[in-house]
Amino acid sequence: MAGPTRSIEPWAGCSSPRGYNWGFDTGILLDASSASTLAGYVVDGVRVELNRDTGIDVKGANSIVRHTLVANTGPTTLPGLHETVGILIESDGGRVLDNDVITVTSSGPAVPASGIIVTNGLNDLVVGNRLTAVEFGLIFSNASGGKYRDNLTSGVGIPFTVSMDIIDAGNNN
């Protein structure tokens, strides 16, 4: 029997301190109205495992996802075509720091599975993450002025997908 679809819903000034979460469609969802809406969400030291669609999904300016373990995400059981994602952040000034994303499984041949997606944000930083066993490692999508550095991949089909204005600050492998 399927459980709830989300384990943490948004609230003002939210901080998700160390804990364990598993078995939801979306493990952690913190959702301000846009990437530029001041939120300052912090997800720190959480283990998010066996979620079906997305491990961690954060939307709101100045948000941080750090020191987390996202493991065994997907395949999604949602109807239709849904991308499976370990960490999804939509944040102006967002940070994705020192996380492990392990095994993100696609729900079908035409549906991608991605480790970290940074989207619709300005000046985001992605630093010191480790990604294994995913189709796409790190994706900057519709983001501007961001940088990524010191990210490691293993067993990743396409490690880094970025636009021209995103800067590889070095030591990505």
N, C-alpha and C. Protein backbone atom coordinates (compact mmCIF):
# COMPACT_ATOMS: atom_id res chain seq x y z
N MET A 1 0.84 -1.17 0.00
CA MET A 1 0.00 0.00 0.00
C MET A 1 0.89 1.24 0.00
N ALA A 2 0.61 2.17 -0.88
CA ALA A 2 1.42 3.39 -1.00
C ALA A 2 1.16 4.32 0.17
N GLY A 3 2.22 4.97 0.61
CA GLY A 3 2.11 5.94 1.70
C GLY A 3 1.84 7.32 1.16
N PRO A 4 1.98 8.33 2.02
CA PRO A 4 1.80 9.71 1.58
C PRO A 4 2.77 10.06 0.46
N THR A 5 2.43 11.10 -0.29
CA THR A 5 3.29 11.47 -1.41
C THR A 5 4.46 12.33 -0.98
N ARG A 6 4.35 13.05 0.14
CA ARG A 6 5.43 13.92 0.58
C ARG A 6 5.59 13.80 2.08
N SER A 7 6.82 13.94 2.54
CA SER A 7 7.04 13.82 3.97
C SER A 7 7.18 15.16 4.67
N ILE A 8 7.71 16.16 3.98
CA ILE A 8 7.86 17.48 4.58
C ILE A 8 7.27 18.50 3.63
N GLU A 9 6.32 19.27 4.10
CA GLU A 9 5.70 20.32 3.29
C GLU A 9 6.30 21.67 3.68
N PRO A 10 6.13 22.70 2.84
CA PRO A 10 6.77 23.98 3.11
C PRO A 10 6.13 24.75 4.27
N TRP A 11 6.98 25.45 4.99
CA TRP A 11 6.54 26.42 5.97
C TRP A 11 7.63 27.47 6.12
N ALA A 12 7.27 28.64 6.58
CA ALA A 12 8.20 29.77 6.62
C ALA A 12 9.40 29.46 7.50
N GLY A 13 10.59 29.82 7.02
CA GLY A 13 11.81 29.67 7.79
C GLY A 13 12.18 28.24 8.07
N CYS A 14 11.77 27.34 7.23
CA CYS A 14 11.97 25.91 7.47
C CYS A 14 13.44 25.52 7.46
N SER A 15 13.80 24.70 8.40
CA SER A 15 15.09 24.03 8.39
C SER A 15 14.82 22.57 8.67
N SER A 16 15.37 21.68 7.85
CA SER A 16 15.19 20.25 8.05
C SER A 16 16.48 19.70 8.64
N PRO A 17 16.57 19.56 9.97
CA PRO A 17 17.81 19.08 10.57
C PRO A 17 17.97 17.58 10.36
N ARG A 18 19.08 17.07 10.78
CA ARG A 18 19.45 15.68 10.59
C ARG A 18 18.27 14.73 10.86
N GLY A 19 18.10 13.77 9.95
CA GLY A 19 17.03 12.79 10.10
C GLY A 19 17.06 11.78 8.98
N TYR A 20 16.06 10.92 8.96
CA TYR A 20 15.97 9.85 7.97
C TYR A 20 14.57 9.88 7.37
N ASN A 21 14.50 9.70 6.06
CA ASN A 21 13.24 9.77 5.35
C ASN A 21 13.26 8.73 4.25
N TRP A 22 12.18 7.96 4.09
CA TRP A 22 12.15 6.99 2.99
C TRP A 22 10.73 6.62 2.61
N GLY A 23 10.56 6.22 1.34
CA GLY A 23 9.33 5.60 0.87
C GLY A 23 8.22 6.52 0.40
N PHE A 24 8.53 7.74 0.00
CA PHE A 24 7.52 8.68 -0.48
C PHE A 24 7.68 8.90 -1.98
N ASP A 25 6.72 9.57 -2.62
CA ASP A 25 6.92 9.99 -4.00
C ASP A 25 8.01 11.06 -4.03
N THR A 26 7.87 12.11 -3.21
CA THR A 26 8.89 13.13 -3.03
C THR A 26 9.31 13.11 -1.57
N GLY A 27 10.58 12.86 -1.33
CA GLY A 27 11.05 12.73 0.06
C GLY A 27 10.92 13.99 0.86
N ILE A 28 11.50 15.09 0.37
CA ILE A 28 11.41 16.40 1.02
C ILE A 28 11.01 17.41 -0.04
N LEU A 29 9.95 18.16 0.22
CA LEU A 29 9.48 19.21 -0.68
C LEU A 29 9.35 20.50 0.10
N LEU A 30 10.18 21.49 -0.27
CA LEU A 30 10.10 22.83 0.31
C LEU A 30 9.86 23.77 -0.87
N ASP A 31 8.71 24.42 -0.92
CA ASP A 31 8.25 25.05 -2.15
C ASP A 31 7.75 26.47 -1.91
N ALA A 32 8.63 27.47 -2.13
CA ALA A 32 8.20 28.86 -2.16
C ALA A 32 7.57 29.09 -3.54
N SER A 33 7.03 30.23 -3.80
CA SER A 33 6.31 30.45 -5.06
C SER A 33 7.22 30.54 -6.28
N SER A 34 8.52 30.86 -6.11
CA SER A 34 9.44 30.95 -7.24
C SER A 34 10.88 30.87 -6.74
N ALA A 35 11.82 30.80 -7.68
CA ALA A 35 13.24 30.76 -7.34
C ALA A 35 13.70 32.05 -6.68
N SER A 36 13.01 33.16 -6.95
CA SER A 36 13.41 34.46 -6.40
C SER A 36 12.67 34.84 -5.12
N THR A 37 11.69 34.05 -4.71
CA THR A 37 10.98 34.32 -3.47
C THR A 37 11.88 33.97 -2.29
N LEU A 38 12.15 34.95 -1.43
CA LEU A 38 13.05 34.74 -0.31
C LEU A 38 12.50 33.65 0.60
N ALA A 39 13.26 32.58 0.77
CA ALA A 39 12.83 31.45 1.59
C ALA A 39 13.91 31.03 2.57
N GLY A 40 15.15 30.88 2.09
CA GLY A 40 16.25 30.49 2.95
C GLY A 40 16.09 29.10 3.55
N TYR A 41 15.46 28.19 2.81
CA TYR A 41 15.33 26.82 3.30
C TYR A 41 16.71 26.18 3.45
N VAL A 42 16.86 25.34 4.47
CA VAL A 42 18.09 24.59 4.69
C VAL A 42 17.74 23.13 4.92
N VAL A 43 18.28 22.26 4.09
CA VAL A 43 18.17 20.82 4.29
C VAL A 43 19.58 20.35 4.60
N ASP A 44 19.81 19.84 5.81
CA ASP A 44 21.16 19.58 6.29
C ASP A 44 21.23 18.22 6.96
N GLY A 45 22.12 17.36 6.46
CA GLY A 45 22.42 16.11 7.13
C GLY A 45 21.31 15.08 7.12
N VAL A 46 20.46 15.10 6.10
CA VAL A 46 19.33 14.18 6.04
C VAL A 46 19.67 12.99 5.16
N ARG A 47 19.18 11.83 5.54
CA ARG A 47 19.27 10.63 4.69
C ARG A 47 17.90 10.42 4.07
N VAL A 48 17.86 10.48 2.74
CA VAL A 48 16.61 10.37 1.99
C VAL A 48 16.74 9.17 1.07
N GLU A 49 15.93 8.15 1.31
CA GLU A 49 16.15 6.88 0.62
C GLU A 49 14.83 6.25 0.17
N LEU A 50 14.90 5.52 -0.95
CA LEU A 50 13.77 4.75 -1.48
C LEU A 50 12.54 5.59 -1.78
N ASN A 51 12.75 6.83 -2.21
CA ASN A 51 11.64 7.65 -2.67
C ASN A 51 11.47 7.42 -4.16
N ARG A 52 10.24 7.57 -4.66
CA ARG A 52 9.94 7.11 -6.01
C ARG A 52 10.14 8.13 -7.11
N ASP A 53 9.95 9.43 -6.84
CA ASP A 53 10.00 10.44 -7.90
C ASP A 53 11.19 11.38 -7.71
N THR A 54 11.29 12.02 -6.56
CA THR A 54 12.35 12.98 -6.25
C THR A 54 12.77 12.79 -4.81
N GLY A 55 14.09 12.81 -4.59
CA GLY A 55 14.59 12.72 -3.22
C GLY A 55 14.35 14.01 -2.45
N ILE A 56 14.95 15.11 -2.94
CA ILE A 56 14.83 16.43 -2.29
C ILE A 56 14.48 17.44 -3.36
N ASP A 57 13.42 18.22 -3.14
CA ASP A 57 12.94 19.23 -4.09
C ASP A 57 12.77 20.54 -3.32
N VAL A 58 13.62 21.54 -3.64
CA VAL A 58 13.62 22.82 -2.92
C VAL A 58 13.45 23.97 -3.90
N LYS A 59 12.48 24.85 -3.63
CA LYS A 59 12.28 26.05 -4.45
C LYS A 59 12.18 27.26 -3.53
N GLY A 60 13.05 28.25 -3.76
CA GLY A 60 13.05 29.49 -2.99
C GLY A 60 14.45 30.05 -2.88
N ALA A 61 14.58 31.37 -2.90
CA ALA A 61 15.88 32.04 -2.90
C ALA A 61 16.70 31.72 -1.66
N ASN A 62 18.02 31.67 -1.87
CA ASN A 62 19.01 31.49 -0.81
C ASN A 62 18.82 30.17 -0.05
N SER A 63 18.37 29.15 -0.74
CA SER A 63 18.18 27.84 -0.11
C SER A 63 19.44 27.00 -0.23
N ILE A 64 19.62 26.09 0.74
CA ILE A 64 20.82 25.26 0.82
C ILE A 64 20.43 23.81 1.03
N VAL A 65 21.05 22.92 0.25
CA VAL A 65 20.97 21.48 0.49
C VAL A 65 22.41 21.03 0.72
N ARG A 66 22.71 20.52 1.93
CA ARG A 66 24.08 20.16 2.25
C ARG A 66 24.15 18.93 3.15
N HIS A 67 25.24 18.20 2.99
CA HIS A 67 25.56 17.05 3.83
C HIS A 67 24.44 16.00 3.83
N THR A 68 23.80 15.77 2.69
CA THR A 68 22.72 14.78 2.64
C THR A 68 23.17 13.53 1.89
N LEU A 69 22.46 12.44 2.14
CA LEU A 69 22.60 11.22 1.38
C LEU A 69 21.26 10.94 0.74
N VAL A 70 21.24 10.92 -0.60
CA VAL A 70 20.04 10.61 -1.36
C VAL A 70 20.32 9.30 -2.08
N ALA A 71 19.61 8.23 -1.71
CA ALA A 71 19.93 6.91 -2.24
C ALA A 71 18.69 6.20 -2.77
N ASN A 72 18.88 5.47 -3.86
CA ASN A 72 17.86 4.58 -4.41
C ASN A 72 16.54 5.30 -4.70
N THR A 73 16.64 6.37 -5.48
CA THR A 73 15.45 7.12 -5.89
C THR A 73 14.92 6.53 -7.19
N GLY A 74 13.60 6.32 -7.25
CA GLY A 74 12.96 5.79 -8.45
C GLY A 74 12.96 4.27 -8.47
N PRO A 75 12.29 3.72 -9.46
CA PRO A 75 11.56 4.43 -10.50
C PRO A 75 10.23 4.95 -9.97
N THR A 76 9.79 6.07 -10.55
CA THR A 76 8.53 6.67 -10.14
C THR A 76 7.35 5.79 -10.50
N THR A 77 6.33 5.86 -9.69
CA THR A 77 5.08 5.15 -9.98
C THR A 77 3.97 6.12 -10.37
N LEU A 78 4.32 7.40 -10.52
CA LEU A 78 3.34 8.40 -10.93
C LEU A 78 2.92 8.15 -12.38
N PRO A 79 1.66 8.42 -12.71
CA PRO A 79 1.22 8.21 -14.09
C PRO A 79 1.88 9.21 -15.04
N GLY A 80 2.09 8.80 -16.29
CA GLY A 80 2.69 9.68 -17.28
C GLY A 80 4.20 9.62 -17.22
N LEU A 81 4.83 10.52 -17.99
CA LEU A 81 6.29 10.57 -18.06
C LEU A 81 6.82 11.56 -17.03
N HIS A 82 7.53 11.08 -16.04
CA HIS A 82 8.12 11.91 -14.99
C HIS A 82 9.59 11.59 -14.84
N GLU A 83 10.41 12.64 -14.90
CA GLU A 83 11.83 12.47 -14.67
C GLU A 83 12.06 12.12 -13.20
N THR A 84 12.98 11.22 -12.94
CA THR A 84 13.36 10.87 -11.58
C THR A 84 14.62 11.66 -11.23
N VAL A 85 14.61 12.32 -10.04
CA VAL A 85 15.70 13.23 -9.68
C VAL A 85 16.11 12.99 -8.22
N GLY A 86 17.42 12.98 -7.99
CA GLY A 86 17.92 12.89 -6.62
C GLY A 86 17.70 14.19 -5.87
N ILE A 87 18.32 15.29 -6.34
CA ILE A 87 18.16 16.62 -5.73
C ILE A 87 17.77 17.60 -6.82
N LEU A 88 16.68 18.32 -6.60
CA LEU A 88 16.19 19.36 -7.52
C LEU A 88 16.13 20.66 -6.74
N ILE A 89 16.85 21.69 -7.21
CA ILE A 89 16.83 22.98 -6.53
C ILE A 89 16.54 24.08 -7.54
N GLU A 90 15.62 24.94 -7.18
CA GLU A 90 15.24 26.12 -7.98
C GLU A 90 15.37 27.31 -7.05
N SER A 91 16.53 28.01 -7.13
CA SER A 91 16.83 29.01 -6.11
C SER A 91 17.81 30.04 -6.63
N ASP A 92 17.49 31.32 -6.50
CA ASP A 92 18.48 32.36 -6.72
C ASP A 92 19.43 32.35 -5.52
N GLY A 93 20.73 32.22 -5.79
CA GLY A 93 21.69 32.17 -4.69
C GLY A 93 21.69 30.85 -3.95
N GLY A 94 21.18 29.80 -4.56
CA GLY A 94 21.10 28.49 -3.91
C GLY A 94 22.45 27.81 -3.83
N ARG A 95 22.54 26.85 -2.92
CA ARG A 95 23.76 26.09 -2.72
C ARG A 95 23.42 24.61 -2.62
N VAL A 96 24.20 23.79 -3.31
CA VAL A 96 24.12 22.33 -3.19
C VAL A 96 25.53 21.89 -2.82
N LEU A 97 25.75 21.53 -1.55
CA LEU A 97 27.09 21.37 -1.01
C LEU A 97 27.28 20.02 -0.32
N ASP A 98 28.30 19.28 -0.74
CA ASP A 98 28.76 18.09 -0.03
C ASP A 98 27.66 17.04 0.17
N ASN A 99 27.03 16.64 -0.93
CA ASN A 99 25.97 15.62 -0.89
C ASN A 99 26.41 14.36 -1.62
N ASP A 100 25.81 13.24 -1.25
CA ASP A 100 25.99 11.98 -1.98
C ASP A 100 24.66 11.60 -2.61
N VAL A 101 24.68 11.38 -3.93
CA VAL A 101 23.49 10.91 -4.64
C VAL A 101 23.87 9.56 -5.25
N ILE A 102 23.18 8.51 -4.81
CA ILE A 102 23.53 7.16 -5.18
C ILE A 102 22.32 6.46 -5.79
N THR A 103 22.41 6.04 -7.03
CA THR A 103 21.42 5.25 -7.75
C THR A 103 20.08 5.96 -7.88
N VAL A 104 19.92 6.60 -9.04
CA VAL A 104 18.63 7.19 -9.43
C VAL A 104 18.18 6.40 -10.65
N THR A 105 17.00 5.78 -10.56
CA THR A 105 16.53 4.85 -11.58
C THR A 105 15.40 5.46 -12.38
N SER A 106 15.53 5.41 -13.70
CA SER A 106 14.51 5.91 -14.61
C SER A 106 13.27 5.03 -14.58
N SER A 107 12.12 5.64 -14.88
CA SER A 107 10.88 4.87 -14.94
C SER A 107 10.60 4.33 -16.34
N GLY A 108 11.49 4.59 -17.30
CA GLY A 108 11.29 4.07 -18.64
C GLY A 108 12.37 4.55 -19.58
N PRO A 109 12.44 3.99 -20.78
CA PRO A 109 13.53 4.31 -21.70
C PRO A 109 13.54 5.76 -22.20
N ALA A 110 12.40 6.43 -22.23
CA ALA A 110 12.35 7.81 -22.74
C ALA A 110 12.32 8.83 -21.60
N VAL A 111 12.54 8.38 -20.37
CA VAL A 111 12.43 9.25 -19.21
C VAL A 111 13.77 9.29 -18.49
N PRO A 112 14.40 10.48 -18.39
CA PRO A 112 15.73 10.56 -17.78
C PRO A 112 15.72 10.38 -16.26
N ALA A 113 16.86 9.97 -15.75
CA ALA A 113 17.12 9.90 -14.31
C ALA A 113 18.34 10.77 -14.05
N SER A 114 18.20 11.76 -13.15
CA SER A 114 19.26 12.74 -12.93
C SER A 114 19.64 12.81 -11.46
N GLY A 115 20.93 13.05 -11.22
CA GLY A 115 21.43 13.17 -9.85
C GLY A 115 21.06 14.49 -9.21
N ILE A 116 21.55 15.61 -9.80
CA ILE A 116 21.27 16.95 -9.29
C ILE A 116 20.84 17.83 -10.45
N ILE A 117 19.71 18.52 -10.28
CA ILE A 117 19.26 19.51 -11.26
C ILE A 117 19.15 20.86 -10.56
N VAL A 118 19.81 21.87 -11.15
CA VAL A 118 19.70 23.25 -10.70
C VAL A 118 18.96 23.98 -11.81
N THR A 119 17.81 24.56 -11.51
CA THR A 119 17.00 25.15 -12.56
C THR A 119 16.42 26.50 -12.15
N ASN A 120 16.27 27.36 -13.15
CA ASN A 120 15.59 28.67 -13.00
C ASN A 120 16.20 29.57 -11.94
N GLY A 121 17.46 29.39 -11.60
CA GLY A 121 18.07 30.21 -10.57
C GLY A 121 19.19 31.08 -11.11
N LEU A 122 19.60 32.05 -10.30
CA LEU A 122 20.70 32.94 -10.61
C LEU A 122 21.81 32.73 -9.58
N ASN A 123 23.06 32.64 -10.05
CA ASN A 123 24.22 32.63 -9.17
C ASN A 123 24.21 31.51 -8.13
N ASP A 124 23.87 30.30 -8.58
CA ASP A 124 23.87 29.13 -7.70
C ASP A 124 25.26 28.50 -7.68
N LEU A 125 25.59 27.82 -6.58
CA LEU A 125 26.85 27.09 -6.45
C LEU A 125 26.57 25.62 -6.16
N VAL A 126 27.30 24.74 -6.85
CA VAL A 126 27.22 23.30 -6.63
C VAL A 126 28.64 22.82 -6.38
N VAL A 127 28.95 22.43 -5.14
CA VAL A 127 30.33 22.17 -4.74
C VAL A 127 30.44 20.90 -3.91
N GLY A 128 31.40 20.05 -4.27
CA GLY A 128 31.78 18.92 -3.43
C GLY A 128 30.78 17.80 -3.33
N ASN A 129 30.04 17.53 -4.40
CA ASN A 129 29.05 16.46 -4.39
C ASN A 129 29.62 15.21 -5.04
N ARG A 130 29.04 14.06 -4.67
CA ARG A 130 29.44 12.78 -5.25
C ARG A 130 28.20 12.11 -5.82
N LEU A 131 28.28 11.71 -7.10
CA LEU A 131 27.14 11.12 -7.78
C LEU A 131 27.53 9.78 -8.39
N THR A 132 26.74 8.74 -8.13
CA THR A 132 27.01 7.43 -8.71
C THR A 132 25.72 6.81 -9.23
N ALA A 133 25.86 6.03 -10.31
CA ALA A 133 24.79 5.23 -10.88
C ALA A 133 23.55 6.06 -11.24
N VAL A 134 23.77 7.09 -12.07
CA VAL A 134 22.66 7.88 -12.62
C VAL A 134 22.92 8.12 -14.11
N GLU A 135 21.86 8.38 -14.85
CA GLU A 135 22.02 8.64 -16.28
C GLU A 135 22.67 10.00 -16.53
N PHE A 136 22.15 11.04 -15.88
CA PHE A 136 22.69 12.39 -15.96
C PHE A 136 23.15 12.80 -14.57
N GLY A 137 24.40 13.32 -14.45
CA GLY A 137 24.93 13.68 -13.14
C GLY A 137 24.41 15.01 -12.65
N LEU A 138 25.03 16.10 -13.08
CA LEU A 138 24.66 17.46 -12.69
C LEU A 138 24.14 18.20 -13.91
N ILE A 139 22.96 18.78 -13.78
CA ILE A 139 22.36 19.56 -14.86
C ILE A 139 22.05 20.96 -14.36
N PHE A 140 22.55 21.97 -15.07
CA PHE A 140 22.10 23.34 -14.87
C PHE A 140 21.12 23.61 -16.01
N SER A 141 19.86 23.85 -15.70
CA SER A 141 18.82 24.05 -16.70
C SER A 141 18.14 25.40 -16.48
N ASN A 142 18.17 26.27 -17.48
CA ASN A 142 17.58 27.61 -17.37
C ASN A 142 18.14 28.38 -16.18
N ALA A 143 19.38 28.11 -15.83
CA ALA A 143 20.03 28.80 -14.72
C ALA A 143 21.06 29.76 -15.31
N SER A 144 21.43 30.77 -14.53
CA SER A 144 22.34 31.79 -15.05
C SER A 144 23.37 32.17 -13.98
N GLY A 145 24.63 32.31 -14.41
CA GLY A 145 25.67 32.85 -13.54
C GLY A 145 26.14 31.93 -12.44
N GLY A 146 25.84 30.64 -12.51
CA GLY A 146 26.25 29.73 -11.46
C GLY A 146 27.64 29.15 -11.69
N LYS A 147 28.14 28.44 -10.68
CA LYS A 147 29.44 27.77 -10.76
C LYS A 147 29.32 26.39 -10.13
N TYR A 148 30.18 25.48 -10.61
CA TYR A 148 30.28 24.16 -9.99
C TYR A 148 31.73 23.77 -9.86
N ARG A 149 32.04 23.05 -8.76
CA ARG A 149 33.44 22.73 -8.47
C ARG A 149 33.52 21.48 -7.58
N ASP A 150 34.60 20.70 -7.77
CA ASP A 150 34.92 19.56 -6.89
C ASP A 150 33.82 18.51 -6.81
N ASN A 151 33.12 18.26 -7.91
CA ASN A 151 32.08 17.24 -7.94
C ASN A 151 32.64 15.99 -8.61
N LEU A 152 32.39 14.82 -8.02
CA LEU A 152 32.88 13.55 -8.53
C LEU A 152 31.73 12.69 -9.03
N THR A 153 31.96 11.96 -10.13
CA THR A 153 30.95 11.06 -10.65
C THR A 153 31.58 9.70 -10.92
N SER A 154 30.76 8.66 -10.80
CA SER A 154 31.16 7.30 -11.15
C SER A 154 29.92 6.55 -11.62
N GLY A 155 30.02 5.91 -12.77
CA GLY A 155 28.86 5.21 -13.31
C GLY A 155 27.78 6.15 -13.76
N VAL A 156 28.18 7.32 -14.26
CA VAL A 156 27.23 8.35 -14.70
C VAL A 156 27.36 8.47 -16.22
N GLY A 157 26.24 8.33 -16.94
CA GLY A 157 26.26 8.38 -18.40
C GLY A 157 26.77 9.71 -18.94
N ILE A 158 26.16 10.81 -18.52
CA ILE A 158 26.57 12.16 -18.92
C ILE A 158 26.80 12.95 -17.63
N PRO A 159 28.06 13.12 -17.23
CA PRO A 159 28.34 13.70 -15.91
C PRO A 159 27.86 15.14 -15.71
N PHE A 160 28.10 16.03 -16.69
CA PHE A 160 27.79 17.45 -16.49
C PHE A 160 27.11 18.02 -17.73
N THR A 161 25.96 18.65 -17.54
CA THR A 161 25.22 19.30 -18.61
C THR A 161 24.96 20.73 -18.16
N VAL A 162 25.65 21.68 -18.78
CA VAL A 162 25.55 23.08 -18.36
C VAL A 162 25.45 23.99 -19.57
N SER A 163 24.92 25.20 -19.36
CA SER A 163 24.85 26.19 -20.43
C SER A 163 26.13 27.01 -20.44
N MET A 164 26.26 27.87 -21.45
CA MET A 164 27.48 28.63 -21.67
C MET A 164 27.84 29.57 -20.52
N ASP A 165 26.85 30.08 -19.79
CA ASP A 165 27.17 31.06 -18.74
C ASP A 165 27.37 30.44 -17.36
N ILE A 166 27.40 29.12 -17.30
CA ILE A 166 27.72 28.43 -16.05
C ILE A 166 29.21 28.11 -16.07
N ILE A 167 29.90 28.39 -14.97
CA ILE A 167 31.35 28.27 -14.93
C ILE A 167 31.80 27.01 -14.22
N ASP A 168 32.62 26.22 -14.91
CA ASP A 168 33.29 25.08 -14.31
C ASP A 168 34.49 25.63 -13.55
N ALA A 169 34.41 25.68 -12.23
CA ALA A 169 35.46 26.28 -11.41
C ALA A 169 36.57 25.28 -11.08
N GLY A 170 36.49 24.06 -11.65
CA GLY A 170 37.60 23.14 -11.55
C GLY A 170 37.35 21.90 -10.71
N ASN A 171 38.23 20.92 -10.93
CA ASN A 171 38.25 19.67 -10.16
C ASN A 171 36.97 18.86 -10.25
N ASN A 172 36.23 18.97 -11.34
CA ASN A 172 35.06 18.12 -11.56
C ASN A 172 35.51 16.90 -12.36
N ASN A 173 35.04 15.73 -11.99
CA ASN A 173 35.47 14.52 -12.66
C ASN A 173 34.34 13.52 -12.69
